[in-house]
Amino acid sequence: MRIATTVFLTDETITPVRLARELEQRGFAGLYLPEHTHIPASRITPYAAGGELPREYARTLDPFVALAQAAAVTTSLALATGITLVAQHDPIVLAKQIATLDHVSGGRFTLGVGFGWNVEEAADHGVIWSARRELVRERMRLMRALWAAEPTAYEGALASVSASHAHPKPAGGAPRVLVGGGAGPGLFAGIAEYADGWLPIGGRGLQEPVPELRAVWEAAGRDPDALHIVPYAVRPTPGKLAHYAEQGIEEVVLQLPPGTELEVLRALDDYAQYL
């Protein structure tokens, strides 16, 4: 099983360069970085875990800039967003950022896709909350049109682009796409349509949803062996990882603390037992 990591990198934590080097030297498979452009001070939307929103949410580094730094100082470490809030981006610009990062890293990038939870943050980006999932769906189609080998147009109700010359292309034609979110028919239909797999947040309660997703995936005509299920932001135990292995899961993303260099390296020392 490949052991990757995720962490809220901020202006107060270990740097992307130091972390990336340590991960690769220690044998970890990858680095996934989350995204928040800003956190409106009104704080109307409650934090899902309860209590005050942790400090790191409002201080998060831009994941594409941080991952570009990580790419520059490593050769094999997988790089990913966990997740990109696609509805909050201009999709033409985002397609270019993704293609460029995948190109300069030699095809090491995975796009984690999410729909967001902070209503005020999305509203500042002009996102209509009830339409955000359909907006993400259309923007994914638009980006795939720009990544196509030949100029390809996309015309949707919420997003469109004319047939265009757009380079560089992602190294493999398109990056791996994983969608984060809670299990359900809508999420699983989207994964089967425009993604390569699922990022179940926290990695709990997978016994029933995994077969359900596999059924939706195969009904859509997708290759059963091509589905990626990657438990994300996991607090590991030996029993938990053994359970994942029994379910055929080949990659897991462990949560690191949003701490100083010393705190993060101590966590990596602890997680070394799972490599």
C-alpha atoms as a PDB file:
ATOM      1  CA  MET A   1       0.000   0.000   0.000  1.00  0.00           C
ATOM      2  CA  ARG A   2       1.310   3.436  -0.946  1.00  0.00           C
ATOM      3  CA  ILE A   3       1.456   5.812   2.018  1.00  0.00           C
ATOM      4  CA  ALA A   4       0.979   9.474   1.117  1.00  0.00           C
ATOM      5  CA  THR A   5       0.423  12.452   3.408  1.00  0.00           C
ATOM      6  CA  THR A   6      -1.618  15.616   3.646  1.00  0.00           C
ATOM      7  CA  VAL A   7      -1.080  18.738   5.705  1.00  0.00           C
ATOM      8  CA  PHE A   8      -2.288  22.323   5.988  1.00  0.00           C
ATOM      9  CA  LEU A   9       0.883  24.135   4.993  1.00  0.00           C
ATOM     10  CA  THR A  10       0.785  27.749   6.147  1.00  0.00           C
ATOM     11  CA  ASP A  11       3.086  30.693   6.706  1.00  0.00           C
ATOM     12  CA  GLU A  12       3.691  29.280  10.215  1.00  0.00           C
ATOM     13  CA  THR A  13       4.475  25.624   9.417  1.00  0.00           C
ATOM     14  CA  ILE A  14       7.271  23.563   7.920  1.00  0.00           C
ATOM     15  CA  THR A  15       8.039  24.776   4.390  1.00  0.00           C
ATOM     16  CA  PRO A  16       6.945  22.931   1.238  1.00  0.00           C
ATOM     17  CA  VAL A  17      10.574  22.410   0.198  1.00  0.00           C
ATOM     18  CA  ARG A  18      11.689  20.882   3.502  1.00  0.00           C
ATOM     19  CA  LEU A  19       8.614  18.675   3.784  1.00  0.00           C
ATOM     20  CA  ALA A  20       8.841  17.405   0.202  1.00  0.00           C
ATOM     21  CA  ARG A  21      12.496  16.488   0.599  1.00  0.00           C
ATOM     22  CA  GLU A  22      11.822  14.684   3.878  1.00  0.00           C
ATOM     23  CA  LEU A  23       8.892  12.753   2.428  1.00  0.00           C
ATOM     24  CA  GLU A  24      10.841  11.530  -0.580  1.00  0.00           C
ATOM     25  CA  GLN A  25      13.951  10.651   1.432  1.00  0.00           C
ATOM     26  CA  ARG A  26      11.874   8.674   3.931  1.00  0.00           C
ATOM     27  CA  GLY A  27       9.974   6.743   1.264  1.00  0.00           C
ATOM     28  CA  PHE A  28       6.509   8.300   1.480  1.00  0.00           C
ATOM     29  CA  ALA A  29       4.546   8.109  -1.764  1.00  0.00           C
ATOM     30  CA  GLY A  30       3.034  11.562  -2.058  1.00  0.00           C
ATOM     31  CA  LEU A  31       1.972  14.952  -0.759  1.00  0.00           C
ATOM     32  CA  TYR A  32      -1.634  16.204  -0.978  1.00  0.00           C
ATOM     33  CA  LEU A  33      -2.368  19.865  -0.152  1.00  0.00           C
ATOM     34  CA  PRO A  34      -5.746  21.475   0.656  1.00  0.00           C
ATOM     35  CA  GLU A  35      -7.074  24.815  -0.531  1.00  0.00           C
ATOM     36  CA  HIS A  36      -8.876  27.822   0.908  1.00  0.00           C
ATOM     37  CA  THR A  37      -8.442  31.174  -0.800  1.00  0.00           C
ATOM     38  CA  HIS A  38      -9.751  33.026   2.270  1.00  0.00           C
ATOM     39  CA  ILE A  39     -12.079  32.572   5.234  1.00  0.00           C
ATOM     40  CA  PRO A  40     -14.652  35.378   5.569  1.00  0.00           C
ATOM     41  CA  ALA A  41     -14.537  36.811   9.080  1.00  0.00           C
ATOM     42  CA  SER A  42     -18.325  36.616   9.440  1.00  0.00           C
ATOM     43  CA  ARG A  43     -17.980  32.859  10.075  1.00  0.00           C
ATOM     44  CA  ILE A  44     -21.643  32.088   9.374  1.00  0.00           C
ATOM     45  CA  THR A  45     -21.003  28.557   8.120  1.00  0.00           C
ATOM     46  CA  PRO A  46     -20.231  26.318  11.113  1.00  0.00           C
ATOM     47  CA  TYR A  47     -17.111  24.184  11.210  1.00  0.00           C
ATOM     48  CA  ALA A  48     -18.211  20.613  10.524  1.00  0.00           C
ATOM     49  CA  ALA A  49     -16.101  19.168  13.338  1.00  0.00           C
ATOM     50  CA  GLY A  50     -17.622  21.605  15.848  1.00  0.00           C
ATOM     51  CA  GLY A  51     -16.085  24.415  17.846  1.00  0.00           C
ATOM     52  CA  GLU A  52     -13.856  27.140  16.484  1.00  0.00           C
ATOM     53  CA  LEU A  53     -12.418  26.841  13.000  1.00  0.00           C
ATOM     54  CA  PRO A  54      -8.725  25.902  13.357  1.00  0.00           C
ATOM     55  CA  ARG A  55      -6.263  28.707  12.721  1.00  0.00           C
ATOM     56  CA  GLU A  56      -4.637  27.007   9.717  1.00  0.00           C
ATOM     57  CA  TYR A  57      -7.740  27.253   7.505  1.00  0.00           C
ATOM     58  CA  ALA A  58      -7.279  30.983   7.012  1.00  0.00           C
ATOM     59  CA  ARG A  59      -3.503  30.752   6.555  1.00  0.00           C
ATOM     60  CA  THR A  60      -3.255  27.956   3.979  1.00  0.00           C
ATOM     61  CA  LEU A  61      -0.645  28.345   1.247  1.00  0.00           C
ATOM     62  CA  ASP A  62      -1.784  28.257  -2.359  1.00  0.00           C
ATOM     63  CA  PRO A  63      -1.487  24.550  -3.186  1.00  0.00           C
ATOM     64  CA  PHE A  64      -0.263  24.972  -6.753  1.00  0.00           C
ATOM     65  CA  VAL A  65       2.564  27.305  -5.753  1.00  0.00           C
ATOM     66  CA  ALA A  66       3.553  25.039  -2.856  1.00  0.00           C
ATOM     67  CA  LEU A  67       3.387  21.890  -4.991  1.00  0.00           C
ATOM     68  CA  ALA A  68       5.510  23.545  -7.684  1.00  0.00           C
ATOM     69  CA  GLN A  69       8.179  24.101  -5.031  1.00  0.00           C
ATOM     70  CA  ALA A  70       7.846  20.465  -3.980  1.00  0.00           C
ATOM     71  CA  ALA A  71       8.157  19.310  -7.585  1.00  0.00           C
ATOM     72  CA  ALA A  72      11.365  21.284  -8.046  1.00  0.00           C
ATOM     73  CA  VAL A  73      13.205  19.511  -5.209  1.00  0.00           C
ATOM     74  CA  THR A  74      11.966  15.929  -5.731  1.00  0.00           C
ATOM     75  CA  THR A  75      11.987  13.374  -8.532  1.00  0.00           C
ATOM     76  CA  SER A  76       9.498  10.659  -7.556  1.00  0.00           C
ATOM     77  CA  LEU A  77       7.162  12.125  -4.927  1.00  0.00           C
ATOM     78  CA  ALA A  78       3.549  12.191  -6.145  1.00  0.00           C
ATOM     79  CA  LEU A  79       1.920  15.633  -5.923  1.00  0.00           C
ATOM     80  CA  ALA A  80      -1.781  16.280  -5.418  1.00  0.00           C
ATOM     81  CA  THR A  81      -4.428  18.685  -4.276  1.00  0.00           C
ATOM     82  CA  GLY A  82      -6.704  17.518  -1.532  1.00  0.00           C
ATOM     83  CA  ILE A  83      -8.761  19.259  -2.628  1.00  0.00           C
ATOM     84  CA  THR A  84      -9.086  21.960  -5.313  1.00  0.00           C
ATOM     85  CA  LEU A  85     -12.300  23.984  -5.019  1.00  0.00           C
ATOM     86  CA  VAL A  86     -12.998  23.912  -8.758  1.00  0.00           C
ATOM     87  CA  ALA A  87     -16.128  26.083  -8.531  1.00  0.00           C
ATOM     88  CA  GLN A  88     -13.982  28.913  -7.146  1.00  0.00           C
ATOM     89  CA  HIS A  89     -11.590  29.013 -10.126  1.00  0.00           C
ATOM     90  CA  ASP A  90     -11.651  30.316 -13.668  1.00  0.00           C
ATOM     91  CA  PRO A  91     -11.552  26.887 -15.376  1.00  0.00           C
ATOM     92  CA  ILE A  92      -9.426  28.040 -18.323  1.00  0.00           C
ATOM     93  CA  VAL A  93      -6.754  29.374 -15.985  1.00  0.00           C
ATOM     94  CA  LEU A  94      -7.069  26.319 -13.732  1.00  0.00           C
ATOM     95  CA  ALA A  95      -6.641  23.967 -16.693  1.00  0.00           C
ATOM     96  CA  LYS A  96      -3.390  25.784 -17.541  1.00  0.00           C
ATOM     97  CA  GLN A  97      -2.119  25.589 -13.941  1.00  0.00           C
ATOM     98  CA  ILE A  98      -2.871  21.869 -13.738  1.00  0.00           C
ATOM     99  CA  ALA A  99      -1.314  21.090 -17.111  1.00  0.00           C
ATOM    100  CA  THR A 100       1.791  23.117 -16.285  1.00  0.00           C
ATOM    101  CA  LEU A 101       2.320  21.474 -12.890  1.00  0.00           C
ATOM    102  CA  ASP A 102       1.820  18.013 -14.371  1.00  0.00           C
ATOM    103  CA  HIS A 103       4.204  18.856 -17.219  1.00  0.00           C
ATOM    104  CA  VAL A 104       7.028  20.266 -15.100  1.00  0.00           C
ATOM    105  CA  SER A 105       6.730  17.434 -12.557  1.00  0.00           C
ATOM    106  CA  GLY A 106       6.910  14.722 -15.213  1.00  0.00           C
ATOM    107  CA  GLY A 107       3.331  13.508 -14.786  1.00  0.00           C
ATOM    108  CA  ARG A 108       3.291  13.329 -10.993  1.00  0.00           C
ATOM    109  CA  PHE A 109       0.163  15.409 -10.370  1.00  0.00           C
ATOM    110  CA  THR A 110      -3.253  14.211  -9.156  1.00  0.00           C
ATOM    111  CA  LEU A 111      -6.177  16.629  -9.104  1.00  0.00           C
ATOM    112  CA  GLY A 112      -8.313  16.228  -6.024  1.00  0.00           C
ATOM    113  CA  VAL A 113     -11.707  17.822  -6.670  1.00  0.00           C
ATOM    114  CA  GLY A 114     -14.060  19.161  -4.016  1.00  0.00           C
ATOM    115  CA  PHE A 115     -17.283  21.156  -3.851  1.00  0.00           C
ATOM    116  CA  GLY A 116     -16.583  23.203  -0.719  1.00  0.00           C
ATOM    117  CA  TRP A 117     -18.288  23.609   2.628  1.00  0.00           C
ATOM    118  CA  ASN A 118     -17.895  27.343   3.405  1.00  0.00           C
ATOM    119  CA  VAL A 119     -20.870  29.131   1.858  1.00  0.00           C
ATOM    120  CA  GLU A 120     -19.445  32.630   2.400  1.00  0.00           C
ATOM    121  CA  GLU A 121     -16.113  31.756   0.786  1.00  0.00           C
ATOM    122  CA  ALA A 122     -17.861  30.401  -2.300  1.00  0.00           C
ATOM    123  CA  ALA A 123     -20.199  33.407  -2.468  1.00  0.00           C
ATOM    124  CA  ASP A 124     -17.231  35.776  -2.651  1.00  0.00           C
ATOM    125  CA  HIS A 125     -16.193  33.874  -5.782  1.00  0.00           C
ATOM    126  CA  GLY A 126     -19.649  34.360  -7.291  1.00  0.00           C
ATOM    127  CA  VAL A 127     -20.679  30.739  -6.755  1.00  0.00           C
ATOM    128  CA  ILE A 128     -24.390  29.979  -6.453  1.00  0.00           C
ATOM    129  CA  TRP A 129     -24.295  27.382  -3.683  1.00  0.00           C
ATOM    130  CA  SER A 130     -27.112  25.171  -4.968  1.00  0.00           C
ATOM    131  CA  ALA A 131     -25.483  25.009  -8.428  1.00  0.00           C
ATOM    132  CA  ARG A 132     -21.906  24.320  -7.350  1.00  0.00           C
ATOM    133  CA  ARG A 133     -21.891  20.582  -8.111  1.00  0.00           C
ATOM    134  CA  GLU A 134     -23.221  21.081 -11.627  1.00  0.00           C
ATOM    135  CA  LEU A 135     -20.753  23.939 -12.076  1.00  0.00           C
ATOM    136  CA  VAL A 136     -17.863  21.638 -11.106  1.00  0.00           C
ATOM    137  CA  ARG A 137     -19.137  18.970 -13.496  1.00  0.00           C
ATOM    138  CA  GLU A 138     -19.200  21.389 -16.421  1.00  0.00           C
ATOM    139  CA  ARG A 139     -15.846  22.932 -15.573  1.00  0.00           C
ATOM    140  CA  MET A 140     -14.281  19.485 -15.496  1.00  0.00           C
ATOM    141  CA  ARG A 141     -15.644  18.855 -18.970  1.00  0.00           C
ATOM    142  CA  LEU A 142     -14.272  22.204 -20.125  1.00  0.00           C
ATOM    143  CA  MET A 143     -10.805  21.471 -18.744  1.00  0.00           C
ATOM    144  CA  ARG A 144     -10.731  18.073 -20.407  1.00  0.00           C
ATOM    145  CA  ALA A 145     -11.554  19.804 -23.693  1.00  0.00           C
ATOM    146  CA  LEU A 146      -8.517  22.057 -23.229  1.00  0.00           C
ATOM    147  CA  TRP A 147      -6.304  19.056 -22.386  1.00  0.00           C
ATOM    148  CA  ALA A 148      -7.377  17.183 -25.525  1.00  0.00           C
ATOM    149  CA  ALA A 149      -4.723  16.497 -28.146  1.00  0.00           C
ATOM    150  CA  GLU A 150      -6.579  18.520 -30.791  1.00  0.00           C
ATOM    151  CA  PRO A 151      -8.499  21.801 -30.390  1.00  0.00           C
ATOM    152  CA  THR A 152     -11.825  20.822 -28.853  1.00  0.00           C
ATOM    153  CA  ALA A 153     -14.801  22.999 -27.966  1.00  0.00           C
ATOM    154  CA  TYR A 154     -17.082  22.594 -24.978  1.00  0.00           C
ATOM    155  CA  GLU A 155     -20.457  24.282 -24.694  1.00  0.00           C
ATOM    156  CA  GLY A 156     -22.426  23.925 -21.480  1.00  0.00           C
ATOM    157  CA  ALA A 157     -25.083  25.847 -19.625  1.00  0.00           C
ATOM    158  CA  LEU A 158     -22.602  27.054 -16.978  1.00  0.00           C
ATOM    159  CA  ALA A 159     -19.233  26.882 -18.752  1.00  0.00           C
ATOM    160  CA  SER A 160     -17.953  26.982 -22.299  1.00  0.00           C
ATOM    161  CA  VAL A 161     -14.767  27.322 -24.304  1.00  0.00           C
ATOM    162  CA  SER A 162     -14.125  27.512 -28.039  1.00  0.00           C
ATOM    163  CA  ALA A 163     -11.848  25.013 -29.765  1.00  0.00           C
ATOM    164  CA  SER A 164      -8.433  26.276 -28.690  1.00  0.00           C
ATOM    165  CA  HIS A 165      -4.701  25.721 -28.819  1.00  0.00           C
ATOM    166  CA  ALA A 166      -3.736  25.139 -25.188  1.00  0.00           C
ATOM    167  CA  HIS A 167      -0.274  23.983 -24.189  1.00  0.00           C
ATOM    168  CA  PRO A 168       1.433  22.445 -22.361  1.00  0.00           C
ATOM    169  CA  LYS A 169      -0.659  19.305 -22.145  1.00  0.00           C
ATOM    170  CA  PRO A 170      -0.671  17.184 -18.986  1.00  0.00           C
ATOM    171  CA  ALA A 171       2.034  14.551 -19.254  1.00  0.00           C
ATOM    172  CA  GLY A 172      -0.365  11.619 -19.653  1.00  0.00           C
ATOM    173  CA  GLY A 173      -3.049  13.428 -21.607  1.00  0.00           C
ATOM    174  CA  ALA A 174      -4.944  14.251 -18.406  1.00  0.00           C
ATOM    175  CA  PRO A 175      -4.032  13.990 -14.730  1.00  0.00           C
ATOM    176  CA  ARG A 176      -5.615  11.478 -12.406  1.00  0.00           C
ATOM    177  CA  VAL A 177      -8.780  13.015 -10.929  1.00  0.00           C
ATOM    178  CA  LEU A 178     -10.127  12.029  -7.502  1.00  0.00           C
ATOM    179  CA  VAL A 179     -13.320  13.496  -6.037  1.00  0.00           C
ATOM    180  CA  GLY A 180     -13.723  14.146  -2.320  1.00  0.00           C
ATOM    181  CA  GLY A 181     -17.016  14.080  -0.466  1.00  0.00           C
ATOM    182  CA  GLY A 182     -19.527  11.995   1.423  1.00  0.00           C
ATOM    183  CA  ALA A 183     -20.860   8.774  -0.082  1.00  0.00           C
ATOM    184  CA  GLY A 184     -24.074   9.042  -2.060  1.00  0.00           C
ATOM    185  CA  PRO A 185     -25.654   8.502  -5.484  1.00  0.00           C
ATOM    186  CA  GLY A 186     -24.904  12.017  -6.729  1.00  0.00           C
ATOM    187  CA  LEU A 187     -21.234  11.900  -5.777  1.00  0.00           C
ATOM    188  CA  PHE A 188     -20.768   8.415  -7.192  1.00  0.00           C
ATOM    189  CA  ALA A 189     -22.450   9.341 -10.495  1.00  0.00           C
ATOM    190  CA  GLY A 190     -20.046  12.266 -10.856  1.00  0.00           C
ATOM    191  CA  ILE A 191     -17.029  10.095 -10.128  1.00  0.00           C
ATOM    192  CA  ALA A 192     -18.116   7.592 -12.765  1.00  0.00           C
ATOM    193  CA  GLU A 193     -18.654  10.376 -15.307  1.00  0.00           C
ATOM    194  CA  TYR A 194     -15.585  12.603 -15.025  1.00  0.00           C
ATOM    195  CA  ALA A 195     -13.109  11.225 -12.493  1.00  0.00           C
ATOM    196  CA  ASP A 196     -10.828   8.304 -11.750  1.00  0.00           C
ATOM    197  CA  GLY A 197     -11.782   7.669  -8.158  1.00  0.00           C
ATOM    198  CA  TRP A 198     -12.916   8.762  -4.709  1.00  0.00           C
ATOM    199  CA  LEU A 199     -11.225  10.518  -1.787  1.00  0.00           C
ATOM    200  CA  PRO A 200     -13.354   9.447   1.219  1.00  0.00           C
ATOM    201  CA  ILE A 201     -12.508  12.047   3.881  1.00  0.00           C
ATOM    202  CA  GLY A 202     -11.355  10.444   7.119  1.00  0.00           C
ATOM    203  CA  GLY A 203     -11.537   6.990   5.587  1.00  0.00           C
ATOM    204  CA  ARG A 204     -14.323   5.725   7.876  1.00  0.00           C
ATOM    205  CA  GLY A 205     -17.303   3.519   7.097  1.00  0.00           C
ATOM    206  CA  LEU A 206     -16.204   2.240   3.701  1.00  0.00           C
ATOM    207  CA  GLN A 207     -17.557  -1.287   3.882  1.00  0.00           C
ATOM    208  CA  GLU A 208     -20.936  -0.472   2.294  1.00  0.00           C
ATOM    209  CA  PRO A 209     -20.099   2.543   0.074  1.00  0.00           C
ATOM    210  CA  VAL A 210     -17.173   0.901  -1.724  1.00  0.00           C
ATOM    211  CA  PRO A 211     -19.304  -1.854  -3.344  1.00  0.00           C
ATOM    212  CA  GLU A 212     -21.949   0.772  -4.172  1.00  0.00           C
ATOM    213  CA  LEU A 213     -19.393   2.937  -5.952  1.00  0.00           C
ATOM    214  CA  ARG A 214     -17.983  -0.053  -7.802  1.00  0.00           C
ATOM    215  CA  ALA A 215     -21.481  -0.923  -9.043  1.00  0.00           C
ATOM    216  CA  VAL A 216     -22.125   2.632 -10.306  1.00  0.00           C
ATOM    217  CA  TRP A 217     -18.665   2.706 -11.895  1.00  0.00           C
ATOM    218  CA  GLU A 218     -19.147  -0.547 -13.782  1.00  0.00           C
ATOM    219  CA  ALA A 219     -22.699   0.389 -14.834  1.00  0.00           C
ATOM    220  CA  ALA A 220     -21.200   3.471 -16.495  1.00  0.00           C
ATOM    221  CA  GLY A 221     -18.963   1.200 -18.567  1.00  0.00           C
ATOM    222  CA  ARG A 222     -15.762   2.056 -16.713  1.00  0.00           C
ATOM    223  CA  ASP A 223     -12.953  -0.479 -16.325  1.00  0.00           C
ATOM    224  CA  PRO A 224     -13.415  -2.184 -12.917  1.00  0.00           C
ATOM    225  CA  ASP A 225      -9.644  -2.287 -12.405  1.00  0.00           C
ATOM    226  CA  ALA A 226      -9.232   1.442 -13.077  1.00  0.00           C
ATOM    227  CA  LEU A 227     -11.179   2.735 -10.056  1.00  0.00           C
ATOM    228  CA  HIS A 228      -9.033   4.427  -7.386  1.00  0.00           C
ATOM    229  CA  ILE A 229     -10.331   4.616  -3.819  1.00  0.00           C
ATOM    230  CA  VAL A 230      -7.941   6.641  -1.675  1.00  0.00           C
ATOM    231  CA  PRO A 231      -8.887   7.169   1.995  1.00  0.00           C
ATOM    232  CA  TYR A 232      -7.901  10.742   2.791  1.00  0.00           C
ATOM    233  CA  ALA A 233      -6.799  12.632   5.932  1.00  0.00           C
ATOM    234  CA  VAL A 234      -6.603   9.362   7.851  1.00  0.00           C
ATOM    235  CA  ARG A 235      -5.420   9.075  11.449  1.00  0.00           C
ATOM    236  CA  PRO A 236      -3.671   5.725  11.088  1.00  0.00           C
ATOM    237  CA  THR A 237      -3.643   2.571  13.184  1.00  0.00           C
ATOM    238  CA  PRO A 238      -2.241  -0.801  12.114  1.00  0.00           C
ATOM    239  CA  GLY A 239      -5.734  -2.308  12.189  1.00  0.00           C
ATOM    240  CA  LYS A 240      -7.216   0.448  10.049  1.00  0.00           C
ATOM    241  CA  LEU A 241      -4.580   0.090   7.331  1.00  0.00           C
ATOM    242  CA  ALA A 242      -4.937  -3.706   7.382  1.00  0.00           C
ATOM    243  CA  HIS A 243      -8.686  -3.254   6.843  1.00  0.00           C
ATOM    244  CA  TYR A 244      -8.034  -1.024   3.841  1.00  0.00           C
ATOM    245  CA  ALA A 245      -5.685  -3.624   2.382  1.00  0.00           C
ATOM    246  CA  GLU A 246      -8.384  -6.292   2.730  1.00  0.00           C
ATOM    247  CA  GLN A 247     -10.695  -4.071   0.655  1.00  0.00           C
ATOM    248  CA  GLY A 248      -8.136  -3.844  -2.136  1.00  0.00           C
ATOM    249  CA  ILE A 249      -7.184  -0.243  -1.409  1.00  0.00           C
ATOM    250  CA  GLU A 250      -3.702   0.514  -2.727  1.00  0.00           C
ATOM    251  CA  GLU A 251      -3.127   4.078  -1.476  1.00  0.00           C
ATOM    252  CA  VAL A 252      -3.950   5.940   1.728  1.00  0.00           C
ATOM    253  CA  VAL A 253      -3.300   9.577   2.668  1.00  0.00           C
ATOM    254  CA  LEU A 254      -2.283  10.170   6.299  1.00  0.00           C
ATOM    255  CA  GLN A 255      -2.991  13.451   8.084  1.00  0.00           C
ATOM    256  CA  LEU A 256       0.027  15.397   9.337  1.00  0.00           C
ATOM    257  CA  PRO A 257      -0.257  18.145  11.958  1.00  0.00           C
ATOM    258  CA  PRO A 258      -0.125  21.774  10.716  1.00  0.00           C
ATOM    259  CA  GLY A 259       2.924  22.315  12.851  1.00  0.00           C
ATOM    260  CA  THR A 260       6.470  23.501  12.961  1.00  0.00           C
ATOM    261  CA  GLU A 261       9.268  21.634  11.268  1.00  0.00           C
ATOM    262  CA  LEU A 262      10.021  19.711  14.456  1.00  0.00           C
ATOM    263  CA  GLU A 263       6.381  18.723  15.016  1.00  0.00           C
ATOM    264  CA  VAL A 264       5.902  17.507  11.456  1.00  0.00           C
ATOM    265  CA  LEU A 265       9.157  15.533  11.411  1.00  0.00           C
ATOM    266  CA  ARG A 266       8.174  13.831  14.658  1.00  0.00           C
ATOM    267  CA  ALA A 267       4.883  12.790  13.029  1.00  0.00           C
ATOM    268  CA  LEU A 268       6.782  11.421  10.034  1.00  0.00           C
ATOM    269  CA  ASP A 269       8.975   9.410  12.403  1.00  0.00           C
ATOM    270  CA  ASP A 270       5.804   7.930  13.911  1.00  0.00           C
ATOM    271  CA  TYR A 271       4.218   7.205  10.522  1.00  0.00           C
ATOM    272  CA  ALA A 272       7.375   5.426   9.316  1.00  0.00           C
ATOM    273  CA  GLN A 273       6.014   2.250  10.931  1.00  0.00           C
ATOM    274  CA  TYR A 274       3.401   2.066   8.146  1.00  0.00           C
ATOM    275  CA  LEU A 275       5.846   2.222   5.227  1.00  0.00           C
END
